[in-house]
Amino acid sequence: MIPFSDDELKQPITRIINNKISPMLAKDGGAIKLLDIIDSKVYIQLQGACIGCASSSTTLEFIVKKEITTLIHPDIKIVNVPIGMENKLEQIDEQI
């Protein structure tokens, strides 16, 4: 069980994304956007050059997930939301 509320997670996750992950992705033309945090699931969207990139799953696992779970809590789930599904997080949640 994660000992933080979704509201308590928002600031540190935003800081990690803005200060650590975004600069890494920007070097290759990629970007990341935090969409929401619901029940300790962090909904992000890889953007820019990350869309359709063969390495996006590696980026998700070894950069995004690693940074957030190492720095905050190992049980946090990271969900990459496909373009066009930003307002349908409940549907994505059913597929997890």
PDB file of N, CA and C in Angstrom:
ATOM      1  N   MET A   1       0.837  -1.181   0.000  1.00  0.00           N
ATOM      2  CA  MET A   1       0.000   0.000   0.000  1.00  0.00           C
ATOM      3  C   MET A   1       0.886   1.250   0.000  1.00  0.00           C
ATOM      4  N   ILE A   2       0.526   2.195  -0.806  1.00  0.00           N
ATOM      5  CA  ILE A   2       1.294   3.430  -0.913  1.00  0.00           C
ATOM      6  C   ILE A   2       0.831   4.397   0.176  1.00  0.00           C
ATOM      7  N   PRO A   3       1.764   4.902   0.978  1.00  0.00           N
ATOM      8  CA  PRO A   3       1.379   5.751   2.119  1.00  0.00           C
ATOM      9  C   PRO A   3       1.130   7.223   1.775  1.00  0.00           C
ATOM     10  N   PHE A   4       0.822   7.504   0.517  1.00  0.00           N
ATOM     11  CA  PHE A   4       0.601   8.880   0.087  1.00  0.00           C
ATOM     12  C   PHE A   4      -0.730   8.974  -0.647  1.00  0.00           C
ATOM     13  N   SER A   5      -1.396  10.098  -0.486  1.00  0.00           N
ATOM     14  CA  SER A   5      -2.611  10.339  -1.272  1.00  0.00           C
ATOM     15  C   SER A   5      -2.205  10.797  -2.670  1.00  0.00           C
ATOM     16  N   ASP A   6      -3.154  10.752  -3.583  1.00  0.00           N
ATOM     17  CA  ASP A   6      -2.878  11.223  -4.938  1.00  0.00           C
ATOM     18  C   ASP A   6      -2.453  12.691  -4.923  1.00  0.00           C
ATOM     19  N   ASP A   7      -3.077  13.498  -4.074  1.00  0.00           N
ATOM     20  CA  ASP A   7      -2.708  14.915  -3.968  1.00  0.00           C
ATOM     21  C   ASP A   7      -1.281  15.080  -3.462  1.00  0.00           C
ATOM     22  N   GLU A   8      -0.880  14.246  -2.512  1.00  0.00           N
ATOM     23  CA  GLU A   8       0.484  14.323  -1.984  1.00  0.00           C
ATOM     24  C   GLU A   8       1.517  13.885  -3.018  1.00  0.00           C
ATOM     25  N   LEU A   9       1.134  13.035  -3.938  1.00  0.00           N
ATOM     26  CA  LEU A   9       2.054  12.557  -4.980  1.00  0.00           C
ATOM     27  C   LEU A   9       2.258  13.573  -6.097  1.00  0.00           C
ATOM     28  N   LYS A  10       1.269  14.436  -6.299  1.00  0.00           N
ATOM     29  CA  LYS A  10       1.300  15.343  -7.463  1.00  0.00           C
ATOM     30  C   LYS A  10       2.548  16.224  -7.511  1.00  0.00           C
ATOM     31  N   GLN A  11       2.876  16.879  -6.436  1.00  0.00           N
ATOM     32  CA  GLN A  11       4.021  17.795  -6.459  1.00  0.00           C
ATOM     33  C   GLN A  11       5.354  17.076  -6.698  1.00  0.00           C
ATOM     34  N   PRO A  12       5.671  16.008  -5.960  1.00  0.00           N
ATOM     35  CA  PRO A  12       6.960  15.362  -6.225  1.00  0.00           C
ATOM     36  C   PRO A  12       7.040  14.712  -7.606  1.00  0.00           C
ATOM     37  N   ILE A  13       5.943  14.165  -8.080  1.00  0.00           N
ATOM     38  CA  ILE A  13       5.965  13.561  -9.417  1.00  0.00           C
ATOM     39  C   ILE A  13       6.121  14.642 -10.473  1.00  0.00           C
ATOM     40  N   THR A  14       5.433  15.746 -10.311  1.00  0.00           N
ATOM     41  CA  THR A  14       5.576  16.865 -11.247  1.00  0.00           C
ATOM     42  C   THR A  14       7.016  17.366 -11.263  1.00  0.00           C
ATOM     43  N   ARG A  15       7.618  17.463 -10.105  1.00  0.00           N
ATOM     44  CA  ARG A  15       9.005  17.922 -10.007  1.00  0.00           C
ATOM     45  C   ARG A  15       9.965  16.950 -10.718  1.00  0.00           C
ATOM     46  N   ILE A  16       9.768  15.656 -10.519  1.00  0.00           N
ATOM     47  CA  ILE A  16      10.616  14.658 -11.180  1.00  0.00           C
ATOM     48  C   ILE A  16      10.452  14.736 -12.691  1.00  0.00           C
ATOM     49  N   ILE A  17       9.210  14.836 -13.144  1.00  0.00           N
ATOM     50  CA  ILE A  17       8.958  14.925 -14.590  1.00  0.00           C
ATOM     51  C   ILE A  17       9.586  16.185 -15.166  1.00  0.00           C
ATOM     52  N   ASN A  18       9.353  17.327 -14.522  1.00  0.00           N
ATOM     53  CA  ASN A  18       9.849  18.598 -15.064  1.00  0.00           C
ATOM     54  C   ASN A  18      11.368  18.742 -14.983  1.00  0.00           C
ATOM     55  N   ASN A  19      11.958  18.263 -13.894  1.00  0.00           N
ATOM     56  CA  ASN A  19      13.386  18.508 -13.672  1.00  0.00           C
ATOM     57  C   ASN A  19      14.308  17.393 -14.130  1.00  0.00           C
ATOM     58  N   LYS A  20      13.817  16.162 -14.211  1.00  0.00           N
ATOM     59  CA  LYS A  20      14.685  15.047 -14.572  1.00  0.00           C
ATOM     60  C   LYS A  20      14.301  14.393 -15.890  1.00  0.00           C
ATOM     61  N   ILE A  21      13.037  14.031 -16.027  1.00  0.00           N
ATOM     62  CA  ILE A  21      12.622  13.242 -17.186  1.00  0.00           C
ATOM     63  C   ILE A  21      12.484  14.105 -18.445  1.00  0.00           C
ATOM     64  N   SER A  22      11.786  15.228 -18.340  1.00  0.00           N
ATOM     65  CA  SER A  22      11.580  16.095 -19.516  1.00  0.00           C
ATOM     66  C   SER A  22      12.881  16.508 -20.188  1.00  0.00           C
ATOM     67  N   PRO A  23      13.890  16.953 -19.423  1.00  0.00           N
ATOM     68  CA  PRO A  23      15.146  17.328 -20.084  1.00  0.00           C
ATOM     69  C   PRO A  23      15.808  16.162 -20.832  1.00  0.00           C
ATOM     70  N   MET A  24      15.709  14.951 -20.282  1.00  0.00           N
ATOM     71  CA  MET A  24      16.276  13.780 -20.965  1.00  0.00           C
ATOM     72  C   MET A  24      15.570  13.527 -22.292  1.00  0.00           C
ATOM     73  N   LEU A  25      14.236  13.575 -22.267  1.00  0.00           N
ATOM     74  CA  LEU A  25      13.468  13.306 -23.477  1.00  0.00           C
ATOM     75  C   LEU A  25      13.644  14.418 -24.514  1.00  0.00           C
ATOM     76  N   ALA A  26      13.753  15.649 -24.040  1.00  0.00           N
ATOM     77  CA  ALA A  26      13.884  16.795 -24.949  1.00  0.00           C
ATOM     78  C   ALA A  26      15.157  16.715 -25.789  1.00  0.00           C
ATOM     79  N   LYS A  27      16.198  16.085 -25.270  1.00  0.00           N
ATOM     80  CA  LYS A  27      17.449  15.948 -26.022  1.00  0.00           C
ATOM     81  C   LYS A  27      17.242  15.207 -27.339  1.00  0.00           C
ATOM     82  N   ASP A  28      16.232  14.328 -27.374  1.00  0.00           N
ATOM     83  CA  ASP A  28      15.946  13.557 -28.587  1.00  0.00           C
ATOM     84  C   ASP A  28      14.649  13.998 -29.262  1.00  0.00           C
ATOM     85  N   GLY A  29      14.123  15.165 -28.875  1.00  0.00           N
ATOM     86  CA  GLY A  29      12.908  15.680 -29.489  1.00  0.00           C
ATOM     87  C   GLY A  29      11.622  15.151 -28.876  1.00  0.00           C
ATOM     88  N   GLY A  30      11.741  14.461 -27.757  1.00  0.00           N
ATOM     89  CA  GLY A  30      10.563  13.911 -27.095  1.00  0.00           C
ATOM     90  C   GLY A  30      10.062  14.820 -25.992  1.00  0.00           C
ATOM     91  N   ALA A  31       8.919  14.466 -25.467  1.00  0.00           N
ATOM     92  CA  ALA A  31       8.321  15.229 -24.366  1.00  0.00           C
ATOM     93  C   ALA A  31       7.439  14.292 -23.556  1.00  0.00           C
ATOM     94  N   ILE A  32       7.061  14.761 -22.377  1.00  0.00           N
ATOM     95  CA  ILE A  32       6.186  13.998 -21.504  1.00  0.00           C
ATOM     96  C   ILE A  32       5.234  14.964 -20.814  1.00  0.00           C
ATOM     97  N   LYS A  33       3.998  14.524 -20.630  1.00  0.00           N
ATOM     98  CA  LYS A  33       2.997  15.341 -19.956  1.00  0.00           C
ATOM     99  C   LYS A  33       2.333  14.502 -18.866  1.00  0.00           C
ATOM    100  N   LEU A  34       2.234  15.057 -17.673  1.00  0.00           N
ATOM    101  CA  LEU A  34       1.498  14.418 -16.591  1.00  0.00           C
ATOM    102  C   LEU A  34       0.022  14.751 -16.772  1.00  0.00           C
ATOM    103  N   LEU A  35      -0.809  13.722 -16.945  1.00  0.00           N
ATOM    104  CA  LEU A  35      -2.235  13.943 -17.153  1.00  0.00           C
ATOM    105  C   LEU A  35      -3.015  13.899 -15.851  1.00  0.00           C
ATOM    106  N   ASP A  36      -2.727  12.903 -15.012  1.00  0.00           N
ATOM    107  CA  ASP A  36      -3.472  12.770 -13.761  1.00  0.00           C
ATOM    108  C   ASP A  36      -2.826  11.705 -12.891  1.00  0.00           C
ATOM    109  N   ILE A  37      -3.212  11.691 -11.643  1.00  0.00           N
ATOM    110  CA  ILE A  37      -2.823  10.639 -10.715  1.00  0.00           C
ATOM    111  C   ILE A  37      -4.113  10.172 -10.050  1.00  0.00           C
ATOM    112  N   ILE A  38      -4.426   8.894 -10.235  1.00  0.00           N
ATOM    113  CA  ILE A  38      -5.658   8.331  -9.700  1.00  0.00           C
ATOM    114  C   ILE A  38      -5.320   6.992  -9.047  1.00  0.00           C
ATOM    115  N   ASP A  39      -5.608   6.878  -7.774  1.00  0.00           N
ATOM    116  CA  ASP A  39      -5.354   5.633  -7.032  1.00  0.00           C
ATOM    117  C   ASP A  39      -3.904   5.167  -7.182  1.00  0.00           C
ATOM    118  N   SER A  40      -2.982   6.101  -7.052  1.00  0.00           N
ATOM    119  CA  SER A  40      -1.540   5.838  -7.139  1.00  0.00           C
ATOM    120  C   SER A  40      -1.089   5.359  -8.517  1.00  0.00           C
ATOM    121  N   LYS A  41      -1.908   5.587  -9.530  1.00  0.00           N
ATOM    122  CA  LYS A  41      -1.515   5.326 -10.914  1.00  0.00           C
ATOM    123  C   LYS A  41      -1.227   6.673 -11.548  1.00  0.00           C
ATOM    124  N   VAL A  42      -0.043   6.797 -12.095  1.00  0.00           N
ATOM    125  CA  VAL A  42       0.392   8.046 -12.707  1.00  0.00           C
ATOM    126  C   VAL A  42       0.129   7.944 -14.205  1.00  0.00           C
ATOM    127  N   TYR A  43      -0.805   8.751 -14.680  1.00  0.00           N
ATOM    128  CA  TYR A  43      -1.153   8.760 -16.099  1.00  0.00           C
ATOM    129  C   TYR A  43      -0.332   9.839 -16.788  1.00  0.00           C
ATOM    130  N   ILE A  44       0.548   9.396 -17.663  1.00  0.00           N
ATOM    131  CA  ILE A  44       1.397  10.315 -18.413  1.00  0.00           C
ATOM    132  C   ILE A  44       1.140  10.104 -19.898  1.00  0.00           C
ATOM    133  N   GLN A  45       1.674  11.013 -20.687  1.00  0.00           N
ATOM    134  CA  GLN A  45       1.591  10.854 -22.132  1.00  0.00           C
ATOM    135  C   GLN A  45       2.938  11.215 -22.723  1.00  0.00           C
ATOM    136  N   LEU A  46       3.544  10.257 -23.397  1.00  0.00           N
ATOM    137  CA  LEU A  46       4.778  10.546 -24.125  1.00  0.00           C
ATOM    138  C   LEU A  46       4.375  11.284 -25.398  1.00  0.00           C
ATOM    139  N   GLN A  47       5.121  12.347 -25.703  1.00  0.00           N
ATOM    140  CA  GLN A  47       4.763  13.201 -26.830  1.00  0.00           C
ATOM    141  C   GLN A  47       5.982  13.480 -27.693  1.00  0.00           C
ATOM    142  N   GLY A  48       5.772  14.286 -28.719  1.00  0.00           N
ATOM    143  CA  GLY A  48       6.874  14.666 -29.606  1.00  0.00           C
ATOM    144  C   GLY A  48       7.457  13.453 -30.316  1.00  0.00           C
ATOM    145  N   ALA A  49       8.772  13.372 -30.368  1.00  0.00           N
ATOM    146  CA  ALA A  49       9.451  12.280 -31.059  1.00  0.00           C
ATOM    147  C   ALA A  49       9.209  10.924 -30.396  1.00  0.00           C
ATOM    148  N   CYS A  50       8.699  10.924 -29.177  1.00  0.00           N
ATOM    149  CA  CYS A  50       8.417   9.656 -28.482  1.00  0.00           C
ATOM    150  C   CYS A  50       7.234   8.918 -29.108  1.00  0.00           C
ATOM    151  N   ILE A  51       6.350   9.653 -29.778  1.00  0.00           N
ATOM    152  CA  ILE A  51       5.177   9.031 -30.397  1.00  0.00           C
ATOM    153  C   ILE A  51       5.653   8.151 -31.550  1.00  0.00           C
ATOM    154  N   GLY A  52       5.350   6.889 -31.450  1.00  0.00           N
ATOM    155  CA  GLY A  52       5.721   5.951 -32.505  1.00  0.00           C
ATOM    156  C   GLY A  52       7.175   5.509 -32.477  1.00  0.00           C
ATOM    157  N   CYS A  53       7.936   6.004 -31.531  1.00  0.00           N
ATOM    158  CA  CYS A  53       9.343   5.621 -31.440  1.00  0.00           C
ATOM    159  C   CYS A  53       9.454   4.184 -30.929  1.00  0.00           C
ATOM    160  N   ALA A  54      10.318   3.407 -31.535  1.00  0.00           N
ATOM    161  CA  ALA A  54      10.516   2.016 -31.130  1.00  0.00           C
ATOM    162  C   ALA A  54      11.051   1.910 -29.703  1.00  0.00           C
ATOM    163  N   SER A  55      11.698   2.955 -29.219  1.00  0.00           N
ATOM    164  CA  SER A  55      12.278   2.936 -27.874  1.00  0.00           C
ATOM    165  C   SER A  55      11.345   3.497 -26.807  1.00  0.00           C
ATOM    166  N   SER A  56      10.114   3.854 -27.168  1.00  0.00           N
ATOM    167  CA  SER A  56       9.229   4.482 -26.180  1.00  0.00           C
ATOM    168  C   SER A  56       8.899   3.549 -25.021  1.00  0.00           C
ATOM    169  N   SER A  57       8.776   2.255 -25.262  1.00  0.00           N
ATOM    170  CA  SER A  57       8.502   1.334 -24.151  1.00  0.00           C
ATOM    171  C   SER A  57       9.707   1.239 -23.220  1.00  0.00           C
ATOM    172  N   THR A  58      10.903   1.319 -23.776  1.00  0.00           N
ATOM    173  CA  THR A  58      12.119   1.330 -22.968  1.00  0.00           C
ATOM    174  C   THR A  58      12.199   2.624 -22.169  1.00  0.00           C
ATOM    175  N   THR A  59      11.866   3.731 -22.794  1.00  0.00           N
ATOM    176  CA  THR A  59      11.832   5.023 -22.104  1.00  0.00           C
ATOM    177  C   THR A  59      10.856   4.973 -20.938  1.00  0.00           C
ATOM    178  N   LEU A  60       9.695   4.421 -21.182  1.00  0.00           N
ATOM    179  CA  LEU A  60       8.671   4.323 -20.148  1.00  0.00           C
ATOM    180  C   LEU A  60       9.166   3.481 -18.975  1.00  0.00           C
ATOM    181  N   GLU A  61       9.762   2.353 -19.255  1.00  0.00           N
ATOM    182  CA  GLU A  61      10.184   1.418 -18.210  1.00  0.00           C
ATOM    183  C   GLU A  61      11.449   1.877 -17.485  1.00  0.00           C
ATOM    184  N   PHE A  62      12.460   2.260 -18.246  1.00  0.00           N
ATOM    185  CA  PHE A  62      13.775   2.488 -17.647  1.00  0.00           C
ATOM    186  C   PHE A  62      14.115   3.947 -17.350  1.00  0.00           C
ATOM    187  N   ILE A  63      13.260   4.849 -17.766  1.00  0.00           N
ATOM    188  CA  ILE A  63      13.458   6.253 -17.383  1.00  0.00           C
ATOM    189  C   ILE A  63      12.289   6.709 -16.514  1.00  0.00           C
ATOM    190  N   VAL A  64      11.088   6.713 -17.067  1.00  0.00           N
ATOM    191  CA  VAL A  64       9.936   7.254 -16.346  1.00  0.00           C
ATOM    192  C   VAL A  64       9.636   6.425 -15.093  1.00  0.00           C
ATOM    193  N   LYS A  65       9.391   5.144 -15.281  1.00  0.00           N
ATOM    194  CA  LYS A  65       9.029   4.294 -14.146  1.00  0.00           C
ATOM    195  C   LYS A  65      10.168   4.207 -13.131  1.00  0.00           C
ATOM    196  N   LYS A  66      11.383   4.037 -13.612  1.00  0.00           N
ATOM    197  CA  LYS A  66      12.529   3.900 -12.711  1.00  0.00           C
ATOM    198  C   LYS A  66      12.707   5.136 -11.834  1.00  0.00           C
ATOM    199  N   GLU A  67      12.658   6.311 -12.437  1.00  0.00           N
ATOM    200  CA  GLU A  67      12.833   7.556 -11.676  1.00  0.00           C
ATOM    201  C   GLU A  67      11.745   7.716 -10.618  1.00  0.00           C
ATOM    202  N   ILE A  68      10.501   7.543 -11.018  1.00  0.00           N
ATOM    203  CA  ILE A  68       9.386   7.779 -10.095  1.00  0.00           C
ATOM    204  C   ILE A  68       9.336   6.725  -8.993  1.00  0.00           C
ATOM    205  N   THR A  69       9.484   5.458  -9.356  1.00  0.00           N
ATOM    206  CA  THR A  69       9.389   4.416  -8.323  1.00  0.00           C
ATOM    207  C   THR A  69      10.605   4.407  -7.405  1.00  0.00           C
ATOM    208  N   THR A  70      11.758   4.763  -7.920  1.00  0.00           N
ATOM    209  CA  THR A  70      12.954   4.805  -7.077  1.00  0.00           C
ATOM    210  C   THR A  70      12.905   5.977  -6.108  1.00  0.00           C
ATOM    211  N   LEU A  71      12.476   7.121  -6.581  1.00  0.00           N
ATOM    212  CA  LEU A  71      12.494   8.324  -5.755  1.00  0.00           C
ATOM    213  C   LEU A  71      11.272   8.480  -4.846  1.00  0.00           C
ATOM    214  N   ILE A  72      10.159   7.834  -5.187  1.00  0.00           N
ATOM    215  CA  ILE A  72       8.945   8.031  -4.383  1.00  0.00           C
ATOM    216  C   ILE A  72       8.482   6.739  -3.713  1.00  0.00           C
ATOM    217  N   HIS A  73       8.061   5.750  -4.508  1.00  0.00           N
ATOM    218  CA  HIS A  73       7.573   4.494  -3.930  1.00  0.00           C
ATOM    219  C   HIS A  73       7.556   3.416  -5.018  1.00  0.00           C
ATOM    220  N   PRO A  74       8.021   2.207  -4.705  1.00  0.00           N
ATOM    221  CA  PRO A  74       8.118   1.158  -5.729  1.00  0.00           C
ATOM    222  C   PRO A  74       6.782   0.622  -6.244  1.00  0.00           C
ATOM    223  N   ASP A  75       5.686   0.880  -5.549  1.00  0.00           N
ATOM    224  CA  ASP A  75       4.396   0.346  -5.979  1.00  0.00           C
ATOM    225  C   ASP A  75       3.583   1.290  -6.855  1.00  0.00           C
ATOM    226  N   ILE A  76       4.123   2.456  -7.157  1.00  0.00           N
ATOM    227  CA  ILE A  76       3.417   3.385  -8.043  1.00  0.00           C
ATOM    228  C   ILE A  76       3.390   2.791  -9.451  1.00  0.00           C
ATOM    229  N   LYS A  77       2.245   2.861 -10.079  1.00  0.00           N
ATOM    230  CA  LYS A  77       2.080   2.369 -11.452  1.00  0.00           C
ATOM    231  C   LYS A  77       2.148   3.543 -12.417  1.00  0.00           C
ATOM    232  N   ILE A  78       2.803   3.333 -13.543  1.00  0.00           N
ATOM    233  CA  ILE A  78       2.919   4.352 -14.582  1.00  0.00           C
ATOM    234  C   ILE A  78       2.118   3.880 -15.789  1.00  0.00           C
ATOM    235  N   VAL A  79       1.237   4.738 -16.288  1.00  0.00           N
ATOM    236  CA  VAL A  79       0.390   4.396 -17.423  1.00  0.00           C
ATOM    237  C   VAL A  79       0.616   5.425 -18.522  1.00  0.00           C
ATOM    238  N   ASN A  80       1.073   4.947 -19.683  1.00  0.00           N
ATOM    239  CA  ASN A  80       1.245   5.824 -20.831  1.00  0.00           C
ATOM    240  C   ASN A  80      -0.082   5.888 -21.585  1.00  0.00           C
ATOM    241  N   VAL A  81      -0.648   7.067 -21.681  1.00  0.00           N
ATOM    242  CA  VAL A  81      -1.952   7.274 -22.303  1.00  0.00           C
ATOM    243  C   VAL A  81      -1.749   7.602 -23.785  1.00  0.00           C
ATOM    244  N   PRO A  82      -2.335   6.803 -24.670  1.00  0.00           N
ATOM    245  CA  PRO A  82      -2.208   7.090 -26.103  1.00  0.00           C
ATOM    246  C   PRO A  82      -2.860   8.426 -26.464  1.00  0.00           C
ATOM    247  N   ILE A  83      -2.340   9.040 -27.506  1.00  0.00           N
ATOM    248  CA  ILE A  83      -2.910  10.285 -28.023  1.00  0.00           C
ATOM    249  C   ILE A  83      -4.394  10.032 -28.350  1.00  0.00           C
ATOM    250  N   GLY A  84      -5.248  10.937 -27.912  1.00  0.00           N
ATOM    251  CA  GLY A  84      -6.684  10.829 -28.156  1.00  0.00           C
ATOM    252  C   GLY A  84      -7.450  10.166 -27.026  1.00  0.00           C
ATOM    253  N   MET A  85      -6.720   9.609 -26.044  1.00  0.00           N
ATOM    254  CA  MET A  85      -7.376   8.926 -24.924  1.00  0.00           C
ATOM    255  C   MET A  85      -7.297   9.730 -23.630  1.00  0.00           C
ATOM    256  N   GLU A  86      -6.889  10.982 -23.717  1.00  0.00           N
ATOM    257  CA  GLU A  86      -6.673  11.818 -22.533  1.00  0.00           C
ATOM    258  C   GLU A  86      -7.916  11.954 -21.659  1.00  0.00           C
ATOM    259  N   ASN A  87      -9.081  11.945 -22.260  1.00  0.00           N
ATOM    260  CA  ASN A  87     -10.334  12.105 -21.517  1.00  0.00           C
ATOM    261  C   ASN A  87     -11.037  10.774 -21.273  1.00  0.00           C
ATOM    262  N   LYS A  88     -10.314   9.677 -21.487  1.00  0.00           N
ATOM    263  CA  LYS A  88     -10.911   8.345 -21.329  1.00  0.00           C
ATOM    264  C   LYS A  88     -10.023   7.468 -20.446  1.00  0.00           C
ATOM    265  N   LEU A  89      -9.526   8.041 -19.361  1.00  0.00           N
ATOM    266  CA  LEU A  89      -8.615   7.306 -18.492  1.00  0.00           C
ATOM    267  C   LEU A  89      -9.263   6.076 -17.890  1.00  0.00           C
ATOM    268  N   GLU A  90     -10.566   6.119 -17.643  1.00  0.00           N
ATOM    269  CA  GLU A  90     -11.246   4.958 -17.083  1.00  0.00           C
ATOM    270  C   GLU A  90     -11.212   3.778 -18.028  1.00  0.00           C
ATOM    271  N   GLN A  91     -11.232   4.020 -19.336  1.00  0.00           N
ATOM    272  CA  GLN A  91     -11.135   2.939 -20.305  1.00  0.00           C
ATOM    273  C   GLN A  91      -9.738   2.339 -20.320  1.00  0.00           C
ATOM    274  N   ILE A  92      -8.745   3.175 -20.194  1.00  0.00           N
ATOM    275  CA  ILE A  92      -7.367   2.696 -20.146  1.00  0.00           C
ATOM    276  C   ILE A  92      -7.172   1.889 -18.867  1.00  0.00           C
ATOM    277  N   ASP A  93      -7.747   2.360 -17.781  1.00  0.00           N
ATOM    278  CA  ASP A  93      -7.634   1.703 -16.485  1.00  0.00           C
ATOM    279  C   ASP A  93      -8.171   0.270 -16.552  1.00  0.00           C
ATOM    280  N   GLU A  94      -9.205   0.045 -17.342  1.00  0.00           N
ATOM    281  CA  GLU A  94      -9.787  -1.287 -17.479  1.00  0.00           C
ATOM    282  C   GLU A  94      -8.842  -2.245 -18.189  1.00  0.00           C
ATOM    283  N   GLN A  95      -7.925  -1.721 -19.000  1.00  0.00           N
ATOM    284  CA  GLN A  95      -7.000  -2.554 -19.769  1.00  0.00           C
ATOM    285  C   GLN A  95      -5.747  -2.920 -18.978  1.00  0.00           C
ATOM    286  N   ILE A  96      -5.538  -2.272 -17.842  1.00  0.00           N
ATOM    287  CA  ILE A  96      -4.325  -2.521 -17.058  1.00  0.00           C
ATOM    288  C   ILE A  96      -4.433  -3.841 -16.328  1.00  0.00           C
TER     289      ILE A  96
END
